[in-house]
Every structure is written in C-alpha cells, then in structure tokens.
Amino acid sequence: MRKTLMCVIAMLMMGLTAMAADELDIQKVANAKLGDLEAMLEYGKQMEGSTKLNDAEFNTELYKQVGIELPDNNKKQAKTGKKISKTSKLQKGDIVFFRNADSKKIAFSGIVYAINESGSFDFIYAAADGVKMANSEANEYRGYFLQASHITSDKELKKARKAYKKQVKDAEKQEKEAEENKEKAEKQQKKAEKAKKELDKQQKAMEKQQKELDKAKENAKAAEEK
C-alpha cells in the first residue's frame, strides 16, 4: 500500500521534480532537516571556527538542510536563483559574491546572515581557517561586493511544503478511491460468478428435465407399439 502511494505521488509530481537549478524540489523541501532560513543560518553559525569545506561547499551544505541542492562551486552558484546587483535588495539567506581588489571575477562567497539598519549586512562564510562571520563594511570587504543570488525565502519554502502536503493528501485520496473501486469490482465479480453458477444450475436442471421428458416419450411410444 505504501509503495502504491509513493507511485501515485511520483506521478503527481511528474514535471515538478524535473526542475531547473533555481527551482524547488518540493518533496526534498518537505522532508528536509530544517524548515526555514533562520534555522539554516543558525546551523551554519554553529560551525563557526571549524570546517573543512570551502566557501561554495559551505553554501551547498547549508542549503541542503532546507532541501535545496546547489552546485558546489561559486561560478555555478552565481547563476543559480535570481541575480541581485544591489546590496539594498539583499535578503537573509542570499548568497553573496565578492571580488578581489584587482579583479572583477568572483573571489569568494558567503551567505547573508543579517541586514543592518545602516544598510550593511552581516554574512557567514567558510575560509581556510574555518567558518567566520563578517560585516560588508569591514575594510577588507567594503566596495568588493560583486553580486548575489537569491535562492529562496521562508515564504517560498512554506509554499513548497504546503504544495507537497496537498500532493500527499491527493495521492492518499486517489489510493483510497482506487481501493474502493477495487472492492466494488471484486464484489461485482463475485456477484457475476454467483449469477453464472445459478444460471449453470438452472441449465442443468432444464437438461435433466428434457432428458426425463425424452425418456417418457420413448416409453410411451414403446407402449403404443405393443
């Protein structure tokens, strides 16, 4: 029964799970370890000071906790989701990319942890010596923001979980209807078989009566000949 339910869900999700990199796999989001970006960021903060992951791998690890699969390199992550060019448009959870002073290429990335009233933002990232928290207005980062990628929001995650819940409910309903239809079909089959048996019984009785009648006619004819 469980296997049938999962098959129905898979059919309902056909065309939904085959998504572009910047779209949500609602089944993975619904079954994710964490349910929102706040929890995701706190998970990352707990890793502060130690990790063997590089910056892009760190971003991938965090988003995996909310059911989103990201490529594990900066170049591809920069092309995932909605591109943001202005820091004023940033939201918590966005992946931010920085350049070096002498280049316009991506040097490293992090994830927006908080938006400050001053207009700056705090971000968390993985460096060679571990996970760190930094502010965009710190001397080593000021003016080096390159772009950002908006991957998702708590609203979008909630919508995905709700959509998956509906699909499961619809699948359960379809399975229940299928079981009911199967039971009805089995009852009709049994009824038809019973009717056939009764018909066969009547047919045999008629054949028996016909034989008795034929025998009676033969006896009567034989009596007349005597």
Protein backbone atom coordinates (compact mmCIF):
# COMPACT_ATOMS: atom_id res chain seq x y z
CA MET A 1 0.00 0.00 0.00
CA ARG A 2 2.83 2.38 0.88
CA LYS A 3 4.58 1.54 -2.39
CA THR A 4 1.39 2.32 -4.31
CA LEU A 5 1.04 5.66 -2.52
CA MET A 6 4.59 6.69 -3.40
CA CYS A 7 3.97 5.74 -7.03
CA VAL A 8 0.88 7.97 -7.10
CA ILE A 9 2.84 10.84 -5.55
CA ALA A 10 5.59 10.38 -8.12
CA MET A 11 3.02 10.59 -10.92
CA LEU A 12 1.53 13.75 -9.42
CA MET A 13 4.97 15.32 -9.19
CA MET A 14 5.98 14.43 -12.73
CA GLY A 15 7.07 17.66 -14.37
CA LEU A 16 7.56 19.29 -10.95
CA THR A 17 10.65 17.47 -9.73
CA ALA A 18 12.38 17.85 -13.09
CA MET A 19 13.21 21.45 -12.26
CA ALA A 20 15.80 23.97 -13.24
CA ALA A 21 18.60 24.54 -10.74
CA ASP A 22 16.94 27.62 -9.27
CA GLU A 23 13.57 25.97 -8.62
CA LEU A 24 12.44 23.96 -5.62
CA ASP A 25 12.05 20.23 -5.35
CA ILE A 26 9.02 20.32 -3.06
CA GLN A 27 9.48 16.75 -1.86
CA LYS A 28 13.04 17.44 -0.71
CA VAL A 29 11.97 20.71 0.93
CA ALA A 30 9.13 18.96 2.77
CA ASN A 31 11.42 16.19 4.02
CA ALA A 32 14.35 18.48 4.85
CA LYS A 33 16.07 18.51 8.22
CA LEU A 34 15.35 22.21 8.77
CA GLY A 35 12.25 24.21 7.92
CA ASP A 36 13.36 27.81 7.45
CA LEU A 37 16.30 30.06 6.65
CA GLU A 38 16.72 31.23 10.24
CA ALA A 39 17.35 27.65 11.35
CA MET A 40 19.64 27.15 8.36
CA LEU A 41 21.75 30.18 9.30
CA GLU A 42 21.94 29.10 12.93
CA TYR A 43 23.12 25.70 11.74
CA GLY A 44 25.89 27.45 9.85
CA LYS A 45 26.78 29.65 12.82
CA GLN A 46 27.26 26.56 14.97
CA MET A 47 30.03 25.55 12.57
CA GLU A 48 31.85 28.83 13.25
CA GLY A 49 35.56 28.31 13.73
CA SER A 50 35.80 24.87 12.18
CA THR A 51 35.01 23.24 8.83
CA LYS A 52 36.89 21.51 6.06
CA LEU A 53 34.53 22.89 3.44
CA ASN A 54 35.40 25.72 1.09
CA ASP A 55 33.09 28.72 0.67
CA ALA A 56 30.87 27.26 -2.09
CA GLU A 57 30.70 23.85 -0.41
CA PHE A 58 29.65 25.58 2.81
CA ASN A 59 26.80 27.32 0.96
CA THR A 60 25.75 23.98 -0.51
CA GLU A 61 25.87 22.29 2.91
CA LEU A 62 23.63 24.94 4.47
CA TYR A 63 21.02 24.92 1.74
CA LYS A 64 20.95 21.15 1.81
CA GLN A 65 19.48 21.44 5.31
CA VAL A 66 16.31 23.04 3.89
CA GLY A 67 16.06 20.61 0.99
CA ILE A 68 17.72 22.62 -1.76
CA GLU A 69 20.52 21.14 -3.84
CA LEU A 70 23.08 23.67 -5.05
CA PRO A 71 26.14 23.19 -7.26
CA ASP A 72 29.31 23.19 -5.15
CA ASN A 73 31.24 25.92 -6.96
CA ASN A 74 30.89 29.70 -6.98
CA LYS A 75 30.59 30.12 -10.73
CA LYS A 76 27.52 27.90 -10.93
CA GLN A 77 26.01 29.25 -7.72
CA ALA A 78 26.25 32.75 -9.17
CA LYS A 79 24.00 31.56 -12.00
CA THR A 80 21.52 29.86 -9.67
CA GLY A 81 18.40 31.63 -8.46
CA LYS A 82 17.65 35.30 -9.03
CA LYS A 83 20.63 37.57 -9.64
CA ILE A 84 20.89 40.62 -7.36
CA SER A 85 23.16 43.51 -8.25
CA LYS A 86 22.39 45.94 -5.42
CA THR A 87 23.03 45.34 -1.71
CA SER A 88 19.82 47.25 -0.93
CA LYS A 89 17.89 44.32 -2.45
CA LEU A 90 19.56 41.65 -0.33
CA GLN A 91 17.62 39.33 1.97
CA LYS A 92 18.70 36.93 4.69
CA GLY A 93 19.89 33.70 3.14
CA ASP A 94 21.04 35.22 -0.15
CA ILE A 95 24.42 34.04 -1.41
CA VAL A 96 26.79 37.00 -1.79
CA PHE A 97 29.86 37.04 -4.02
CA PHE A 98 32.92 39.25 -3.53
CA ARG A 99 35.82 40.10 -5.80
CA ASN A 100 39.42 40.95 -5.09
CA ALA A 101 40.74 44.49 -5.36
CA ASP A 102 42.46 43.84 -8.68
CA SER A 103 39.80 41.68 -10.36
CA LYS A 104 36.11 41.64 -11.28
CA LYS A 105 35.91 37.88 -11.01
CA ILE A 106 34.41 36.06 -8.03
CA ALA A 107 36.98 35.59 -5.31
CA PHE A 108 34.81 34.04 -2.60
CA SER A 109 31.21 33.78 -1.40
CA GLY A 110 29.13 33.71 1.76
CA ILE A 111 25.52 33.80 2.92
CA VAL A 112 23.72 36.87 4.25
CA TYR A 113 23.13 36.37 7.97
CA ALA A 114 21.53 39.70 8.84
CA ILE A 115 20.58 43.01 7.25
CA ASN A 116 21.55 46.01 9.38
CA GLU A 117 19.75 49.36 9.68
CA SER A 118 22.88 51.09 8.42
CA GLY A 119 22.47 49.33 5.09
CA SER A 120 25.38 46.97 5.64
CA PHE A 121 24.92 43.25 6.05
CA ASP A 122 26.49 40.51 8.11
CA PHE A 123 27.42 37.34 6.29
CA ILE A 124 28.75 33.95 7.21
CA TYR A 125 31.30 32.12 5.08
CA ALA A 126 33.88 29.37 5.12
CA ALA A 127 37.54 30.34 4.92
CA ALA A 128 40.69 28.26 5.01
CA ASP A 129 40.82 28.55 8.81
CA GLY A 130 37.14 27.84 9.42
CA VAL A 131 33.67 29.37 9.28
CA LYS A 132 33.58 33.10 10.02
CA MET A 133 31.10 35.91 10.49
CA ALA A 134 31.86 39.28 8.88
CA ASN A 135 30.30 42.62 8.03
CA SER A 136 30.18 44.01 4.50
CA GLU A 137 31.55 47.37 5.69
CA ALA A 138 34.71 45.89 7.16
CA ASN A 139 37.82 47.27 5.43
CA GLU A 140 38.65 44.01 3.67
CA TYR A 141 35.13 43.72 2.18
CA ARG A 142 33.93 47.29 1.66
CA GLY A 143 33.48 48.03 -2.04
CA TYR A 144 34.20 44.48 -3.14
CA PHE A 145 30.62 43.19 -3.33
CA LEU A 146 30.14 41.80 -6.83
CA GLN A 147 26.65 40.29 -6.95
CA ALA A 148 24.29 37.97 -5.10
CA SER A 149 21.94 35.08 -5.78
CA HIS A 150 18.51 34.91 -4.18
CA ILE A 151 17.81 31.21 -3.80
CA THR A 152 14.58 31.16 -1.82
CA SER A 153 12.66 32.67 1.10
CA ASP A 154 10.76 31.31 4.08
CA LYS A 155 7.54 32.11 2.20
CA GLU A 156 8.65 30.02 -0.76
CA LEU A 157 9.74 27.16 1.49
CA LYS A 158 6.40 27.21 3.30
CA LYS A 159 4.57 27.23 -0.03
CA ALA A 160 6.61 24.22 -1.19
CA ARG A 161 5.83 22.25 1.97
CA LYS A 162 2.14 23.11 1.62
CA ALA A 163 2.15 22.00 -2.03
CA TYR A 164 3.79 18.70 -1.15
CA LYS A 165 1.36 18.12 1.71
CA LYS A 166 -1.51 18.65 -0.73
CA GLN A 167 0.03 16.22 -3.19
CA VAL A 168 0.36 13.57 -0.50
CA LYS A 169 -3.24 14.16 0.55
CA ASP A 170 -4.42 13.94 -3.07
CA ALA A 171 -2.38 10.77 -3.55
CA GLU A 172 -3.90 9.21 -0.44
CA LYS A 173 -7.36 10.17 -1.68
CA GLN A 174 -6.68 8.62 -5.07
CA GLU A 175 -5.33 5.48 -3.46
CA LYS A 176 -8.40 5.21 -1.23
CA GLU A 177 -10.69 5.65 -4.24
CA ALA A 178 -8.69 3.03 -6.13
CA GLU A 179 -9.06 0.60 -3.21
CA GLU A 180 -12.81 1.30 -3.02
CA ASN A 181 -13.18 0.79 -6.78
CA LYS A 182 -11.21 -2.44 -6.49
CA GLU A 183 -13.52 -3.67 -3.73
CA LYS A 184 -16.58 -2.74 -5.79
CA ALA A 185 -15.14 -4.55 -8.81
CA GLU A 186 -14.41 -7.64 -6.69
CA LYS A 187 -17.97 -7.61 -5.31
CA GLN A 188 -19.40 -7.26 -8.81
CA GLN A 189 -17.15 -10.10 -9.97
CA LYS A 190 -18.35 -12.34 -7.15
CA LYS A 191 -21.94 -11.39 -7.90
CA ALA A 192 -21.44 -12.22 -11.58
CA GLU A 193 -19.82 -15.55 -10.71
CA LYS A 194 -22.72 -16.38 -8.38
CA ALA A 195 -25.22 -15.48 -11.08
CA LYS A 196 -23.33 -17.68 -13.56
CA LYS A 197 -23.37 -20.60 -11.14
CA GLU A 198 -27.10 -20.16 -10.65
CA LEU A 199 -27.58 -19.99 -14.41
CA ASP A 200 -25.50 -23.15 -14.88
CA LYS A 201 -27.59 -24.86 -12.21
CA GLN A 202 -30.80 -23.89 -13.96
CA GLN A 203 -29.36 -25.04 -17.28
CA LYS A 204 -28.51 -28.45 -15.84
CA ALA A 205 -31.99 -28.74 -14.32
CA MET A 206 -33.56 -27.94 -17.69
CA GLU A 207 -31.32 -30.50 -19.40
CA LYS A 208 -32.34 -33.09 -16.79
CA GLN A 209 -36.00 -32.30 -17.32
CA GLN A 210 -35.52 -32.56 -21.09
CA LYS A 211 -33.89 -35.99 -20.72
CA GLU A 212 -36.74 -37.17 -18.48
CA LEU A 213 -39.24 -35.86 -20.99
CA ASP A 214 -37.47 -37.59 -23.87
CA LYS A 215 -37.38 -40.83 -21.89
CA ALA A 216 -41.08 -40.54 -21.08
CA LYS A 217 -41.86 -40.06 -24.78
CA GLU A 218 -39.80 -43.13 -25.67
CA ASN A 219 -41.60 -45.21 -23.04
CA ALA A 220 -44.97 -44.00 -24.27
CA LYS A 221 -44.09 -44.86 -27.90
CA ALA A 222 -42.88 -48.31 -26.88
CA ALA A 223 -46.12 -48.94 -25.01
CA GLU A 224 -48.20 -47.95 -28.06
CA GLU A 225 -46.22 -50.31 -30.31
CA LYS A 226 -47.07 -53.24 -28.02
